[in-house]
Structures are given as structure tokens and as C-alpha cells.
PDB file of N, CA and C in Angstrom:
ATOM      1  N   UNK A   1     -74.143 -62.149 -13.521  1.00  0.00           N
ATOM      2  CA  UNK A   1     -75.328 -62.414 -14.232  1.00  0.00           C
ATOM      3  C   UNK A   1     -76.525 -62.646 -13.756  1.00  0.00           C
ATOM      4  N   UNK A   2     -77.416 -61.699 -14.705  1.00  0.00           N
ATOM      5  CA  UNK A   2     -78.642 -61.502 -13.876  1.00  0.00           C
ATOM      6  C   UNK A   2     -79.604 -62.482 -14.653  1.00  0.00           C
ATOM      7  N   UNK A   3     -79.598 -63.111 -15.622  1.00  0.00           N
ATOM      8  CA  UNK A   3     -80.661 -64.160 -16.243  1.00  0.00           C
ATOM      9  C   UNK A   3     -80.164 -65.362 -16.778  1.00  0.00           C
ATOM     10  N   UNK A   4     -81.095 -66.340 -16.598  1.00  0.00           N
ATOM     11  CA  UNK A   4     -80.756 -67.476 -17.506  1.00  0.00           C
ATOM     12  C   UNK A   4     -80.313 -67.440 -18.556  1.00  0.00           C
ATOM     13  N   UNK A   5     -79.990 -66.521 -19.771  1.00  0.00           N
ATOM     14  CA  UNK A   5     -79.420 -66.263 -20.787  1.00  0.00           C
ATOM     15  C   UNK A   5     -78.004 -65.594 -20.881  1.00  0.00           C
ATOM     16  N   UNK A   6     -78.088 -64.697 -19.427  1.00  0.00           N
ATOM     17  CA  UNK A   6     -76.604 -64.427 -19.652  1.00  0.00           C
ATOM     18  C   UNK A   6     -75.581 -65.410 -19.261  1.00  0.00           C
ATOM     19  N   UNK A   7     -74.447 -65.173 -20.168  1.00  0.00           N
ATOM     20  CA  UNK A   7     -73.134 -66.001 -19.968  1.00  0.00           C
ATOM     21  C   UNK A   7     -71.743 -65.241 -19.679  1.00  0.00           C
ATOM     22  N   UNK A   8     -70.867 -65.879 -19.172  1.00  0.00           N
ATOM     23  CA  UNK A   8     -69.375 -65.585 -18.700  1.00  0.00           C
ATOM     24  C   UNK A   8     -69.088 -65.082 -19.355  1.00  0.00           C
ATOM     25  N   UNK A   9     -67.897 -64.299 -19.519  1.00  0.00           N
ATOM     26  CA  UNK A   9     -66.774 -64.188 -20.306  1.00  0.00           C
ATOM     27  C   UNK A   9     -65.642 -64.465 -20.487  1.00  0.00           C
ATOM     28  N   UNK A  10     -64.613 -64.456 -21.396  1.00  0.00           N
ATOM     29  CA  UNK A  10     -63.476 -64.809 -21.374  1.00  0.00           C
ATOM     30  C   UNK A  10     -62.670 -63.633 -20.440  1.00  0.00           C
ATOM     31  N   UNK A  11     -60.907 -64.586 -19.911  1.00  0.00           N
ATOM     32  CA  UNK A  11     -60.345 -64.017 -18.909  1.00  0.00           C
ATOM     33  C   UNK A  11     -59.819 -62.460 -19.905  1.00  0.00           C
ATOM     34  N   UNK A  12     -59.761 -61.613 -18.977  1.00  0.00           N
ATOM     35  CA  UNK A  12     -59.297 -60.176 -19.354  1.00  0.00           C
ATOM     36  C   UNK A  12     -57.728 -60.091 -19.644  1.00  0.00           C
ATOM     37  N   UNK A  13     -57.714 -60.414 -20.671  1.00  0.00           N
ATOM     38  CA  UNK A  13     -56.725 -60.401 -21.373  1.00  0.00           C
ATOM     39  C   UNK A  13     -56.227 -59.680 -22.459  1.00  0.00           C
ATOM     40  N   UNK A  14     -55.617 -58.837 -22.926  1.00  0.00           N
ATOM     41  CA  UNK A  14     -55.469 -57.541 -23.666  1.00  0.00           C
ATOM     42  C   UNK A  14     -54.940 -58.937 -25.353  1.00  0.00           C
ATOM     43  N   UNK A  15     -55.494 -58.189 -26.311  1.00  0.00           N
ATOM     44  CA  UNK A  15     -54.994 -58.473 -27.454  1.00  0.00           C
ATOM     45  C   UNK A  15     -53.639 -58.097 -27.697  1.00  0.00           C
ATOM     46  N   UNK A  16     -53.344 -57.384 -27.412  1.00  0.00           N
ATOM     47  CA  UNK A  16     -51.711 -56.785 -27.244  1.00  0.00           C
ATOM     48  C   UNK A  16     -51.044 -57.997 -26.572  1.00  0.00           C
ATOM     49  N   UNK A  17     -51.547 -57.816 -25.892  1.00  0.00           N
ATOM     50  CA  UNK A  17     -50.891 -59.081 -24.539  1.00  0.00           C
ATOM     51  C   UNK A  17     -50.725 -60.050 -24.860  1.00  0.00           C
ATOM     52  N   UNK A  18     -51.456 -60.412 -26.276  1.00  0.00           N
ATOM     53  CA  UNK A  18     -51.571 -62.411 -26.366  1.00  0.00           C
ATOM     54  C   UNK A  18     -50.192 -61.840 -27.457  1.00  0.00           C
ATOM     55  N   UNK A  19     -50.475 -61.125 -28.086  1.00  0.00           N
ATOM     56  CA  UNK A  19     -49.775 -61.298 -29.449  1.00  0.00           C
ATOM     57  C   UNK A  19     -48.419 -60.617 -29.614  1.00  0.00           C
ATOM     58  N   UNK A  20     -48.035 -60.494 -28.097  1.00  0.00           N
ATOM     59  CA  UNK A  20     -46.550 -60.471 -27.402  1.00  0.00           C
ATOM     60  C   UNK A  20     -45.978 -61.849 -27.497  1.00  0.00           C
ATOM     61  N   UNK A  21     -46.531 -62.560 -26.938  1.00  0.00           N
ATOM     62  CA  UNK A  21     -46.425 -63.729 -26.566  1.00  0.00           C
ATOM     63  C   UNK A  21     -45.778 -64.684 -27.390  1.00  0.00           C
ATOM     64  N   UNK A  22     -43.843 -64.808 -26.952  1.00  0.00           N
ATOM     65  CA  UNK A  22     -43.119 -65.574 -28.186  1.00  0.00           C
ATOM     66  C   UNK A  22     -42.446 -66.590 -27.452  1.00  0.00           C
ATOM     67  N   UNK A  23     -42.427 -66.460 -26.030  1.00  0.00           N
ATOM     68  CA  UNK A  23     -41.786 -67.584 -25.603  1.00  0.00           C
ATOM     69  C   UNK A  23     -42.647 -68.178 -24.389  1.00  0.00           C
ATOM     70  N   UNK A  24     -41.991 -69.105 -23.589  1.00  0.00           N
ATOM     71  CA  UNK A  24     -42.910 -69.742 -22.454  1.00  0.00           C
ATOM     72  C   UNK A  24     -42.808 -68.655 -21.265  1.00  0.00           C
ATOM     73  N   UNK A  25     -41.865 -68.140 -21.049  1.00  0.00           N
ATOM     74  CA  UNK A  25     -42.495 -66.753 -20.216  1.00  0.00           C
ATOM     75  C   UNK A  25     -43.283 -65.814 -20.644  1.00  0.00           C
ATOM     76  N   UNK A  26     -43.162 -65.252 -21.839  1.00  0.00           N
ATOM     77  CA  UNK A  26     -44.601 -64.568 -21.945  1.00  0.00           C
ATOM     78  C   UNK A  26     -45.510 -65.454 -21.843  1.00  0.00           C
ATOM     79  N   UNK A  27     -45.721 -66.943 -22.512  1.00  0.00           N
ATOM     80  CA  UNK A  27     -47.169 -67.626 -21.793  1.00  0.00           C
ATOM     81  C   UNK A  27     -47.435 -67.644 -20.279  1.00  0.00           C
ATOM     82  N   UNK A  28     -45.925 -67.748 -19.591  1.00  0.00           N
ATOM     83  CA  UNK A  28     -46.373 -67.765 -18.260  1.00  0.00           C
ATOM     84  C   UNK A  28     -47.267 -66.675 -17.956  1.00  0.00           C
ATOM     85  N   UNK A  29     -46.740 -65.370 -18.348  1.00  0.00           N
ATOM     86  CA  UNK A  29     -47.382 -64.176 -17.763  1.00  0.00           C
ATOM     87  C   UNK A  29     -48.664 -63.774 -18.106  1.00  0.00           C
ATOM     88  N   UNK A  30     -49.135 -64.581 -19.632  1.00  0.00           N
ATOM     89  CA  UNK A  30     -50.690 -64.368 -19.690  1.00  0.00           C
ATOM     90  C   UNK A  30     -51.297 -65.273 -18.617  1.00  0.00           C
ATOM     91  N   UNK A  31     -50.763 -66.479 -18.234  1.00  0.00           N
ATOM     92  CA  UNK A  31     -51.541 -67.127 -17.018  1.00  0.00           C
ATOM     93  C   UNK A  31     -51.731 -66.931 -16.060  1.00  0.00           C
ATOM     94  N   UNK A  32     -50.807 -65.953 -15.542  1.00  0.00           N
ATOM     95  CA  UNK A  32     -50.651 -64.884 -14.313  1.00  0.00           C
ATOM     96  C   UNK A  32     -51.875 -64.330 -14.283  1.00  0.00           C
ATOM     97  N   UNK A  33     -51.942 -63.385 -15.523  1.00  0.00           N
ATOM     98  CA  UNK A  33     -53.151 -62.649 -15.570  1.00  0.00           C
ATOM     99  C   UNK A  33     -54.529 -63.006 -15.991  1.00  0.00           C
ATOM    100  N   UNK A  34     -54.506 -64.374 -16.052  1.00  0.00           N
ATOM    101  CA  UNK A  34     -55.926 -65.137 -15.736  1.00  0.00           C
ATOM    102  C   UNK A  34     -55.796 -65.388 -14.763  1.00  0.00           C
ATOM    103  N   UNK A  35     -55.168 -65.745 -14.022  1.00  0.00           N
ATOM    104  CA  UNK A  35     -55.143 -66.397 -12.588  1.00  0.00           C
ATOM    105  C   UNK A  35     -55.800 -64.899 -11.545  1.00  0.00           C
ATOM    106  N   UNK A  36     -55.346 -63.871 -12.185  1.00  0.00           N
ATOM    107  CA  UNK A  36     -55.303 -62.715 -11.550  1.00  0.00           C
ATOM    108  C   UNK A  36     -56.914 -62.261 -11.893  1.00  0.00           C
ATOM    109  N   UNK A  37     -57.747 -62.469 -12.831  1.00  0.00           N
ATOM    110  CA  UNK A  37     -58.434 -62.212 -13.284  1.00  0.00           C
ATOM    111  C   UNK A  37     -59.606 -63.235 -12.676  1.00  0.00           C
ATOM    112  N   UNK A  38     -59.131 -64.213 -12.524  1.00  0.00           N
ATOM    113  CA  UNK A  38     -60.196 -65.203 -12.037  1.00  0.00           C
ATOM    114  C   UNK A  38     -60.573 -65.356 -10.945  1.00  0.00           C
ATOM    115  N   UNK A  39     -59.215 -64.647  -9.815  1.00  0.00           N
ATOM    116  CA  UNK A  39     -59.413 -64.668  -8.279  1.00  0.00           C
ATOM    117  C   UNK A  39     -60.541 -63.274  -8.405  1.00  0.00           C
ATOM    118  N   UNK A  40     -60.303 -61.862  -9.152  1.00  0.00           N
ATOM    119  CA  UNK A  40     -60.595 -60.932  -8.841  1.00  0.00           C
ATOM    120  C   UNK A  40     -62.584 -60.868  -9.330  1.00  0.00           C
ATOM    121  N   UNK A  41     -62.495 -61.881 -10.339  1.00  0.00           N
ATOM    122  CA  UNK A  41     -64.352 -61.953 -10.969  1.00  0.00           C
ATOM    123  C   UNK A  41     -64.559 -63.443 -10.789  1.00  0.00           C
ATOM    124  N   UNK A  42     -64.364 -64.396 -10.129  1.00  0.00           N
ATOM    125  CA  UNK A  42     -64.755 -65.257 -10.634  1.00  0.00           C
ATOM    126  C   UNK A  42     -66.185 -65.940 -10.547  1.00  0.00           C
ATOM    127  N   UNK A  43     -67.132 -65.088 -10.655  1.00  0.00           N
ATOM    128  CA  UNK A  43     -68.559 -65.325 -11.101  1.00  0.00           C
ATOM    129  C   UNK A  43     -68.716 -64.838 -12.269  1.00  0.00           C
ATOM    130  N   UNK A  44     -67.633 -64.142 -12.901  1.00  0.00           N
ATOM    131  CA  UNK A  44     -67.618 -63.296 -14.273  1.00  0.00           C
ATOM    132  C   UNK A  44     -67.242 -64.380 -15.117  1.00  0.00           C
ATOM    133  N   UNK A  45     -66.971 -65.335 -14.910  1.00  0.00           N
ATOM    134  CA  UNK A  45     -65.847 -66.132 -16.309  1.00  0.00           C
ATOM    135  C   UNK A  45     -66.917 -67.059 -16.538  1.00  0.00           C
ATOM    136  N   UNK A  46     -66.956 -67.838 -17.512  1.00  0.00           N
ATOM    137  CA  UNK A  46     -67.991 -68.395 -18.027  1.00  0.00           C
ATOM    138  C   UNK A  46     -67.113 -69.709 -17.969  1.00  0.00           C
ATOM    139  N   UNK A  47     -66.006 -70.220 -17.910  1.00  0.00           N
ATOM    140  CA  UNK A  47     -65.638 -71.663 -17.793  1.00  0.00           C
ATOM    141  C   UNK A  47     -65.024 -71.383 -16.086  1.00  0.00           C
ATOM    142  N   UNK A  48     -65.156 -70.881 -14.971  1.00  0.00           N
ATOM    143  CA  UNK A  48     -64.493 -70.715 -13.647  1.00  0.00           C
ATOM    144  C   UNK A  48     -64.094 -71.993 -13.303  1.00  0.00           C
ATOM    145  N   UNK A  49     -64.850 -73.246 -13.210  1.00  0.00           N
ATOM    146  CA  UNK A  49     -64.065 -74.306 -12.438  1.00  0.00           C
ATOM    147  C   UNK A  49     -62.917 -75.087 -13.184  1.00  0.00           C
ATOM    148  N   UNK A  50     -62.424 -76.071 -12.810  1.00  0.00           N
ATOM    149  CA  UNK A  50     -61.305 -76.502 -13.463  1.00  0.00           C
ATOM    150  C   UNK A  50     -62.029 -77.823 -14.928  1.00  0.00           C
ATOM    151  N   UNK A  51     -63.182 -78.523 -13.633  1.00  0.00           N
ATOM    152  CA  UNK A  51     -63.820 -79.185 -14.757  1.00  0.00           C
ATOM    153  C   UNK A  51     -64.367 -78.592 -16.488  1.00  0.00           C
ATOM    154  N   UNK A  52     -64.984 -77.459 -16.285  1.00  0.00           N
ATOM    155  CA  UNK A  52     -65.520 -76.579 -17.552  1.00  0.00           C
ATOM    156  C   UNK A  52     -64.120 -75.753 -18.135  1.00  0.00           C
ATOM    157  N   UNK A  53     -62.969 -75.725 -17.393  1.00  0.00           N
ATOM    158  CA  UNK A  53     -62.473 -75.236 -18.608  1.00  0.00           C
ATOM    159  C   UNK A  53     -61.408 -76.350 -19.143  1.00  0.00           C
ATOM    160  N   UNK A  54     -61.299 -77.382 -18.871  1.00  0.00           N
ATOM    161  CA  UNK A  54     -61.104 -78.475 -19.066  1.00  0.00           C
ATOM    162  C   UNK A  54     -61.470 -78.636 -20.400  1.00  0.00           C
ATOM    163  N   UNK A  55     -62.599 -78.807 -19.994  1.00  0.00           N
ATOM    164  CA  UNK A  55     -63.745 -79.383 -21.310  1.00  0.00           C
ATOM    165  C   UNK A  55     -63.889 -78.209 -22.536  1.00  0.00           C
ATOM    166  N   UNK A  56     -63.918 -76.796 -21.825  1.00  0.00           N
ATOM    167  CA  UNK A  56     -63.993 -76.214 -22.949  1.00  0.00           C
ATOM    168  C   UNK A  56     -62.357 -76.120 -23.586  1.00  0.00           C
ATOM    169  N   UNK A  57     -61.310 -76.141 -22.804  1.00  0.00           N
ATOM    170  CA  UNK A  57     -59.710 -76.089 -23.895  1.00  0.00           C
ATOM    171  C   UNK A  57     -60.111 -77.495 -24.700  1.00  0.00           C
ATOM    172  N   UNK A  58     -60.605 -78.269 -24.106  1.00  0.00           N
ATOM    173  CA  UNK A  58     -60.327 -79.468 -25.071  1.00  0.00           C
ATOM    174  C   UNK A  58     -61.100 -79.410 -26.358  1.00  0.00           C
ATOM    175  N   UNK A  59     -62.619 -78.653 -26.239  1.00  0.00           N
ATOM    176  CA  UNK A  59     -63.054 -78.134 -27.838  1.00  0.00           C
ATOM    177  C   UNK A  59     -62.362 -76.769 -28.232  1.00  0.00           C
ATOM    178  N   UNK A  60     -61.619 -76.313 -27.375  1.00  0.00           N
ATOM    179  CA  UNK A  60     -60.425 -75.188 -28.191  1.00  0.00           C
ATOM    180  C   UNK A  60     -59.630 -75.538 -29.096  1.00  0.00           C
ATOM    181  N   UNK A  61     -59.207 -76.695 -28.758  1.00  0.00           N
ATOM    182  CA  UNK A  61     -58.151 -77.437 -29.452  1.00  0.00           C
ATOM    183  C   UNK A  61     -58.999 -78.113 -31.145  1.00  0.00           C
ATOM    184  N   UNK A  62     -60.214 -78.389 -30.374  1.00  0.00           N
ATOM    185  CA  UNK A  62     -60.307 -79.204 -31.293  1.00  0.00           C
ATOM    186  C   UNK A  62     -60.690 -77.924 -32.423  1.00  0.00           C
ATOM    187  N   UNK A  63     -61.106 -76.893 -32.250  1.00  0.00           N
ATOM    188  CA  UNK A  63     -61.336 -75.947 -33.001  1.00  0.00           C
ATOM    189  C   UNK A  63     -60.194 -75.065 -33.862  1.00  0.00           C
ATOM    190  N   UNK A  64     -59.260 -75.610 -33.651  1.00  0.00           N
ATOM    191  CA  UNK A  64     -57.658 -74.901 -33.920  1.00  0.00           C
ATOM    192  C   UNK A  64     -57.998 -75.155 -35.480  1.00  0.00           C
ATOM    193  N   UNK A  65     -57.995 -75.997 -36.412  1.00  0.00           N
ATOM    194  CA  UNK A  65     -57.799 -76.039 -37.410  1.00  0.00           C
ATOM    195  C   UNK A  65     -58.835 -75.096 -38.399  1.00  0.00           C
ATOM    196  N   UNK A  66     -60.310 -75.278 -37.466  1.00  0.00           N
ATOM    197  CA  UNK A  66     -61.252 -74.205 -37.735  1.00  0.00           C
ATOM    198  C   UNK A  66     -60.897 -72.188 -38.226  1.00  0.00           C
ATOM    199  N   UNK A  67     -60.497 -72.441 -36.922  1.00  0.00           N
ATOM    200  CA  UNK A  67     -59.853 -71.384 -36.466  1.00  0.00           C
ATOM    201  C   UNK A  67     -58.926 -70.715 -37.279  1.00  0.00           C
ATOM    202  N   UNK A  68     -58.024 -71.450 -38.104  1.00  0.00           N
ATOM    203  CA  UNK A  68     -57.154 -71.228 -38.493  1.00  0.00           C
ATOM    204  C   UNK A  68     -57.552 -70.588 -40.148  1.00  0.00           C
ATOM    205  N   UNK A  69     -58.463 -71.354 -40.540  1.00  0.00           N
ATOM    206  CA  UNK A  69     -58.983 -71.826 -41.536  1.00  0.00           C
ATOM    207  C   UNK A  69     -59.755 -70.636 -41.984  1.00  0.00           C
ATOM    208  N   UNK A  70     -60.862 -70.076 -40.842  1.00  0.00           N
ATOM    209  CA  UNK A  70     -61.661 -68.693 -40.817  1.00  0.00           C
ATOM    210  C   UNK A  70     -60.381 -67.437 -41.064  1.00  0.00           C
ATOM    211  N   UNK A  71     -59.575 -67.648 -40.763  1.00  0.00           N
ATOM    212  CA  UNK A  71     -58.562 -66.751 -40.773  1.00  0.00           C
ATOM    213  C   UNK A  71     -57.672 -66.245 -41.623  1.00  0.00           C
ATOM    214  N   UNK A  72     -58.044 -67.334 -42.859  1.00  0.00           N
ATOM    215  CA  UNK A  72     -57.104 -67.602 -43.766  1.00  0.00           C
ATOM    216  C   UNK A  72     -55.733 -68.176 -43.945  1.00  0.00           C
ATOM    217  N   UNK A  73     -55.449 -68.830 -42.735  1.00  0.00           N
ATOM    218  CA  UNK A  73     -53.992 -69.343 -42.708  1.00  0.00           C
ATOM    219  C   UNK A  73     -54.105 -70.734 -42.641  1.00  0.00           C
ATOM    220  N   UNK A  74     -52.855 -71.346 -42.780  1.00  0.00           N
ATOM    221  CA  UNK A  74     -53.504 -73.153 -42.300  1.00  0.00           C
ATOM    222  C   UNK A  74     -52.747 -73.052 -40.853  1.00  0.00           C
ATOM    223  N   UNK A  75     -53.115 -74.637 -40.827  1.00  0.00           N
ATOM    224  CA  UNK A  75     -52.625 -74.625 -38.714  1.00  0.00           C
ATOM    225  C   UNK A  75     -51.447 -75.083 -38.746  1.00  0.00           C
ATOM    226  N   UNK A  76     -50.410 -74.136 -38.510  1.00  0.00           N
ATOM    227  CA  UNK A  76     -48.822 -74.552 -38.199  1.00  0.00           C
ATOM    228  C   UNK A  76     -49.008 -76.025 -38.036  1.00  0.00           C
ATOM    229  N   UNK A  77     -47.722 -76.037 -38.296  1.00  0.00           N
ATOM    230  CA  UNK A  77     -47.330 -77.896 -38.380  1.00  0.00           C
ATOM    231  C   UNK A  77     -46.625 -77.783 -36.914  1.00  0.00           C
ATOM    232  N   UNK A  78     -45.782 -76.673 -36.257  1.00  0.00           N
ATOM    233  CA  UNK A  78     -45.520 -76.934 -34.693  1.00  0.00           C
ATOM    234  C   UNK A  78     -46.104 -75.548 -34.438  1.00  0.00           C
ATOM    235  N   UNK A  79     -47.059 -76.181 -33.179  1.00  0.00           N
ATOM    236  CA  UNK A  79     -47.799 -75.094 -32.113  1.00  0.00           C
ATOM    237  C   UNK A  79     -46.478 -73.992 -31.767  1.00  0.00           C
ATOM    238  N   UNK A  80     -47.193 -72.697 -31.434  1.00  0.00           N
ATOM    239  CA  UNK A  80     -46.292 -72.092 -31.213  1.00  0.00           C
ATOM    240  C   UNK A  80     -46.535 -71.478 -29.729  1.00  0.00           C
ATOM    241  N   UNK A  81     -45.892 -70.689 -28.870  1.00  0.00           N
ATOM    242  CA  UNK A  81     -46.450 -70.120 -27.430  1.00  0.00           C
ATOM    243  C   UNK A  81     -47.644 -69.317 -27.314  1.00  0.00           C
ATOM    244  N   UNK A  82     -47.924 -68.495 -28.359  1.00  0.00           N
ATOM    245  CA  UNK A  82     -48.844 -67.446 -28.540  1.00  0.00           C
ATOM    246  C   UNK A  82     -49.903 -68.659 -29.012  1.00  0.00           C
ATOM    247  N   UNK A  83     -50.143 -69.526 -29.814  1.00  0.00           N
ATOM    248  CA  UNK A  83     -51.128 -70.279 -29.934  1.00  0.00           C
ATOM    249  C   UNK A  83     -51.626 -71.210 -28.328  1.00  0.00           C
ATOM    250  N   UNK A  84     -50.869 -71.142 -27.981  1.00  0.00           N
ATOM    251  CA  UNK A  84     -50.915 -72.104 -26.541  1.00  0.00           C
ATOM    252  C   UNK A  84     -51.693 -71.080 -25.893  1.00  0.00           C
ATOM    253  N   UNK A  85     -51.283 -69.923 -25.287  1.00  0.00           N
ATOM    254  CA  UNK A  85     -51.520 -68.358 -24.782  1.00  0.00           C
ATOM    255  C   UNK A  85     -53.162 -68.138 -25.085  1.00  0.00           C
ATOM    256  N   UNK A  86     -53.275 -68.393 -26.462  1.00  0.00           N
ATOM    257  CA  UNK A  86     -54.370 -67.752 -27.133  1.00  0.00           C
ATOM    258  C   UNK A  86     -55.608 -69.080 -26.870  1.00  0.00           C
ATOM    259  N   UNK A  87     -54.927 -70.152 -26.538  1.00  0.00           N
ATOM    260  CA  UNK A  87     -56.276 -71.469 -26.409  1.00  0.00           C
ATOM    261  C   UNK A  87     -56.562 -71.045 -25.017  1.00  0.00           C
ATOM    262  N   UNK A  88     -55.800 -70.962 -24.579  1.00  0.00           N
ATOM    263  CA  UNK A  88     -55.865 -70.849 -22.378  1.00  0.00           C
ATOM    264  C   UNK A  88     -57.017 -70.084 -22.325  1.00  0.00           C
ATOM    265  N   UNK A  89     -57.018 -68.633 -23.292  1.00  0.00           N
ATOM    266  CA  UNK A  89     -57.427 -67.704 -22.688  1.00  0.00           C
ATOM    267  C   UNK A  89     -59.329 -67.802 -23.303  1.00  0.00           C
ATOM    268  N   UNK A  90     -59.005 -68.525 -24.772  1.00  0.00           N
ATOM    269  CA  UNK A  90     -60.150 -68.836 -25.424  1.00  0.00           C
ATOM    270  C   UNK A  90     -61.038 -69.905 -24.346  1.00  0.00           C
ATOM    271  N   UNK A  91     -60.636 -71.078 -23.683  1.00  0.00           N
ATOM    272  CA  UNK A  91     -61.084 -71.871 -22.761  1.00  0.00           C
ATOM    273  C   UNK A  91     -61.743 -71.380 -21.331  1.00  0.00           C
ATOM    274  N   UNK A  92     -61.398 -69.997 -21.375  1.00  0.00           N
ATOM    275  CA  UNK A  92     -62.013 -69.335 -20.292  1.00  0.00           C
ATOM    276  C   UNK A  92     -63.127 -68.887 -20.508  1.00  0.00           C
ATOM    277  N   UNK A  93     -63.495 -68.799 -21.400  1.00  0.00           N
ATOM    278  CA  UNK A  93     -65.024 -68.222 -22.232  1.00  0.00           C
ATOM    279  C   UNK A  93     -65.761 -69.305 -22.853  1.00  0.00           C
ATOM    280  N   UNK A  94     -65.126 -69.876 -23.234  1.00  0.00           N
ATOM    281  CA  UNK A  94     -65.583 -71.067 -24.783  1.00  0.00           C
ATOM    282  C   UNK A  94     -67.340 -71.393 -24.090  1.00  0.00           C
ATOM    283  N   UNK A  95     -67.775 -71.718 -24.982  1.00  0.00           N
ATOM    284  CA  UNK A  95     -69.060 -72.192 -24.441  1.00  0.00           C
ATOM    285  C   UNK A  95     -69.771 -73.385 -25.478  1.00  0.00           C
TER     286      UNK A  95
END
């Protein structure tokens, strides 16, 4: 980052990989991709410390309902592995 106005980024996980998450094994692969990206680029993540990541994860969880409303659908009564993976990636860069 080069200025006070630069911010970090989200974990480098493709939309295709997130869309393919159907199980706990798939979610674990996403977490592994996130970890590899964090290890390779720790200075590029917005929330690279556990404290910042957990704070952003809580905010991401609070934003689930508005996110689904903006997408034109209701919040699922049961969360999915895909939603968990999406929230984890979102927390990596959520401001």
C-alpha cells in the first residue's frame, strides 16, 4: 500500500471456487486457499490479523440479511457450506 487511503484486499479465491462449495470438504479447500494467499501476501490483506479478521467476520455475519436482500432473495433458514465460505472470504477484506 502506498498511501493512507489505500486499503487491503480480499483473499484471492475465485467466484467459481466459491460457487462450487457444497460440503465441509469444499469449505476446507477454500480455507486452505485463503491461508496460502495470506502466507504469500500478508501485507495485502485488509484483515490479516486474527483480531481484525474476527471483527470483520462478525460484521459480515451481521450483514448476511442485507446481502441476501440486495441479491433479491431471502436469507436461508439453514446456512450452507457455501455461505460459510463466502463469509470467510468476505471477512478477509471487509472494511
